[in-house]
Amino acid sequence: MVTKKKVSTKKESVETVAVEATPEIGDEVSRSMLKEMDHASLVLFARLNYGMTGMTTQSNPREEVIELIMNAARKYKGNAEMKVVPMNEKVEVPPDYVKIRVQPGSNNPNQRPIPIGLNFKMATVPVNKDVIMHKKWLPCLEDAVQTKYFVDRSDPAKETLGWMEQHSYPFSILERG
């Protein structure tokens, strides 16, 4: 679904741009949808939704912009198996799916979506939002751990080096389907 509205950036203002098809939500991006957009809207769409910051209408032909957006959309094909739902609202979780929430942490101070990969598919999991996703993606977050080292001074006679593993991106499983 494509909605149009006026969007302004520091350098340019574009009258209409598609804002619903974002990789965070996992909507499908089709070539026909992109061909309906004018060149400036395509460039702005690529910047806002896929982080393609070096793109301009002068340096990138329209067909090249469409191809780059389609490649980026294919890269995030895994997001079709994820859905952002309203927080703290009762939503039915289908079988083989889980409802999770990724909390902000020290590895992600800007609270950007967490990229995860599984079997040559990529997806992004937004931070501080409830997400329903297939349970096969869960090990990607569970296995993202790092070792924290510390000096253990529990025995006054000696100091030893201790360690513990913690999740790189802390998350909570809110509900299982």
Protein backbone atom coordinates (compact mmCIF):
# COMPACT_ATOMS: atom_id res chain seq x y z
CA MET A 1 0.00 0.00 0.00
CA VAL A 2 1.33 3.40 -0.94
CA THR A 3 0.40 6.63 0.75
CA LYS A 4 1.65 9.96 -0.40
CA LYS A 5 2.52 13.05 1.58
CA LYS A 6 4.81 16.04 1.44
CA VAL A 7 8.30 15.29 2.80
CA SER A 8 11.07 17.82 3.33
CA THR A 9 14.73 17.28 4.06
CA LYS A 10 17.44 19.85 4.71
CA LYS A 11 18.31 20.06 1.01
CA GLU A 12 15.09 19.35 -0.86
CA SER A 13 11.34 19.13 -0.66
CA VAL A 14 9.35 16.54 -2.57
CA GLU A 15 5.60 16.83 -2.97
CA THR A 16 4.76 13.11 -2.91
CA VAL A 17 6.63 10.03 -1.67
CA ALA A 18 5.59 6.51 -0.73
CA VAL A 19 5.99 6.06 3.02
CA GLU A 20 4.21 2.79 3.82
CA ALA A 21 6.63 0.33 2.19
CA THR A 22 9.47 0.37 4.71
CA PRO A 23 11.87 -2.46 5.49
CA GLU A 24 11.04 -2.07 9.19
CA ILE A 25 7.46 -3.10 8.65
CA GLY A 26 8.22 -5.67 5.96
CA ASP A 27 5.80 -4.46 3.29
CA GLU A 28 6.40 -5.64 -0.25
CA VAL A 29 8.02 -3.22 -2.67
CA SER A 30 7.11 -3.85 -6.29
CA ARG A 31 8.72 -2.55 -9.44
CA SER A 32 5.34 -1.30 -10.71
CA MET A 33 4.85 0.73 -7.50
CA LEU A 34 8.27 2.32 -7.97
CA LYS A 35 7.63 3.16 -11.64
CA GLU A 36 4.60 5.24 -10.60
CA MET A 37 6.85 7.54 -8.55
CA ASP A 38 8.73 10.49 -10.03
CA HIS A 39 12.55 10.57 -9.97
CA ALA A 40 12.92 12.89 -6.96
CA SER A 41 10.46 10.82 -4.92
CA LEU A 42 12.37 7.64 -5.77
CA VAL A 43 15.63 9.13 -4.55
CA LEU A 44 14.03 10.36 -1.34
CA PHE A 45 12.31 6.98 -0.83
CA ALA A 46 15.69 5.22 -1.18
CA ARG A 47 17.30 7.60 1.33
CA LEU A 48 14.57 7.42 3.96
CA ASN A 49 13.71 3.72 3.78
CA TYR A 50 16.95 2.02 2.77
CA GLY A 51 19.67 4.41 3.94
CA MET A 52 21.04 5.13 0.44
CA THR A 53 22.44 8.53 1.36
CA GLY A 54 24.82 9.15 -1.57
CA MET A 55 22.07 9.08 -4.17
CA THR A 56 20.94 12.19 -6.10
CA THR A 57 18.67 12.84 -9.07
CA GLN A 58 21.62 14.24 -11.06
CA SER A 59 24.07 11.36 -10.47
CA ASN A 60 21.68 8.40 -10.55
CA PRO A 61 19.35 7.74 -13.50
CA ARG A 62 15.76 6.79 -12.67
CA GLU A 63 16.09 3.12 -13.77
CA GLU A 64 19.26 2.73 -11.71
CA VAL A 65 17.47 4.05 -8.62
CA ILE A 66 14.62 1.57 -9.16
CA GLU A 67 17.09 -1.31 -9.54
CA LEU A 68 18.99 -0.31 -6.38
CA ILE A 69 15.74 -0.12 -4.38
CA MET A 70 14.64 -3.54 -5.67
CA ASN A 71 18.02 -5.03 -4.68
CA ALA A 72 17.70 -3.54 -1.20
CA ALA A 73 14.12 -4.84 -0.91
CA ARG A 74 15.26 -8.35 -1.86
CA LYS A 75 17.99 -8.10 0.76
CA TYR A 76 15.34 -7.54 3.45
CA LYS A 77 12.99 -10.28 2.19
CA GLY A 78 13.04 -11.83 5.69
CA ASN A 79 10.96 -8.93 6.97
CA ALA A 80 7.93 -10.48 5.27
CA GLU A 81 7.94 -12.97 8.17
CA MET A 82 7.87 -10.17 10.76
CA LYS A 83 5.15 -7.74 11.72
CA VAL A 84 5.29 -4.74 14.04
CA VAL A 85 2.19 -4.66 16.25
CA PRO A 86 0.90 -2.03 18.69
CA MET A 87 2.61 -2.21 22.08
CA ASN A 88 0.74 -3.64 25.06
CA GLU A 89 -2.23 -4.58 22.91
CA LYS A 90 -3.65 -8.09 22.83
CA VAL A 91 -2.74 -9.60 19.45
CA GLU A 92 -3.17 -13.25 18.51
CA VAL A 93 0.20 -14.90 17.87
CA PRO A 94 -0.08 -17.63 15.20
CA PRO A 95 1.43 -21.10 15.79
CA ASP A 96 5.24 -21.23 15.23
CA TYR A 97 5.48 -17.47 15.80
CA VAL A 98 6.64 -15.45 18.82
CA LYS A 99 5.95 -11.92 20.01
CA ILE A 100 9.15 -10.20 21.18
CA ARG A 101 10.45 -6.78 22.16
CA VAL A 102 14.12 -5.81 21.75
CA GLN A 103 15.27 -3.43 24.48
CA PRO A 104 17.85 -0.70 23.90
CA GLY A 105 21.33 -1.61 25.02
CA SER A 106 24.93 -0.44 25.10
CA ASN A 107 25.64 -2.03 21.69
CA ASN A 108 22.86 -0.02 20.07
CA PRO A 109 22.80 3.44 21.67
CA ASN A 110 20.89 5.02 18.76
CA GLN A 111 18.18 2.34 18.90
CA ARG A 112 18.50 1.46 15.23
CA PRO A 113 16.77 -1.69 13.95
CA ILE A 114 18.85 -4.83 14.59
CA PRO A 115 19.96 -6.57 11.36
CA ILE A 116 19.76 -10.37 11.53
CA GLY A 117 20.48 -12.97 8.90
CA LEU A 118 19.27 -16.53 8.38
CA ASN A 119 19.82 -18.80 5.37
CA PHE A 120 20.82 -15.95 3.03
CA LYS A 121 17.83 -13.82 4.09
CA MET A 122 18.19 -10.59 5.99
CA ALA A 123 15.69 -8.87 8.24
CA THR A 124 15.66 -5.98 10.66
CA VAL A 125 14.06 -6.07 14.10
CA PRO A 126 13.02 -2.65 15.43
CA VAL A 127 13.97 -1.65 18.98
CA ASN A 128 11.31 -0.81 21.61
CA LYS A 129 8.46 -2.16 19.48
CA ASP A 130 6.45 -5.36 19.75
CA VAL A 131 7.23 -7.65 16.84
CA ILE A 132 5.58 -10.90 15.82
CA MET A 133 8.08 -13.05 13.94
CA HIS A 134 8.54 -16.68 12.98
CA LYS A 135 10.34 -18.61 15.72
CA LYS A 136 13.12 -19.65 13.31
CA TRP A 137 14.51 -16.08 13.61
CA LEU A 138 14.79 -16.31 17.42
CA PRO A 139 18.19 -18.11 17.49
CA CYS A 140 19.68 -15.16 15.57
CA LEU A 141 18.99 -12.92 18.57
CA GLU A 142 19.76 -15.64 21.17
CA ASP A 143 23.17 -16.38 19.63
CA ALA A 144 24.21 -12.73 19.44
CA VAL A 145 26.24 -12.75 22.67
CA GLN A 146 29.47 -11.19 23.82
CA THR A 147 31.82 -12.03 26.63
CA LYS A 148 32.30 -9.42 29.36
CA TYR A 149 35.42 -9.79 31.48
CA PHE A 150 35.78 -8.52 35.04
CA VAL A 151 38.08 -8.85 38.03
CA ASP A 152 36.53 -11.10 40.67
CA ARG A 153 37.39 -9.80 44.14
CA SER A 154 35.03 -12.05 46.10
CA ASP A 155 38.01 -13.80 47.75
CA PRO A 156 40.06 -11.13 49.62
CA ALA A 157 43.20 -13.29 49.41
CA LYS A 158 43.34 -13.28 45.61
CA GLU A 159 41.91 -11.61 42.54
CA THR A 160 40.81 -13.73 39.63
CA LEU A 161 39.61 -12.93 36.17
CA GLY A 162 35.94 -13.70 35.70
CA TRP A 163 33.67 -13.52 32.71
CA MET A 164 30.08 -13.79 31.74
CA GLU A 165 28.24 -13.91 28.46
CA GLN A 166 25.41 -11.49 27.82
CA HIS A 167 23.13 -10.80 24.88
CA SER A 168 24.38 -8.14 22.52
CA TYR A 169 20.80 -7.07 21.94
CA PRO A 170 18.67 -7.82 25.02
CA PHE A 171 15.14 -8.95 24.19
CA SER A 172 12.05 -10.33 25.86
CA ILE A 173 9.74 -13.03 24.58
CA LEU A 174 6.29 -11.66 25.34
CA GLU A 175 4.17 -14.47 23.95
CA ARG A 176 4.53 -17.74 22.03
CA GLY A 177 2.08 -19.00 19.45
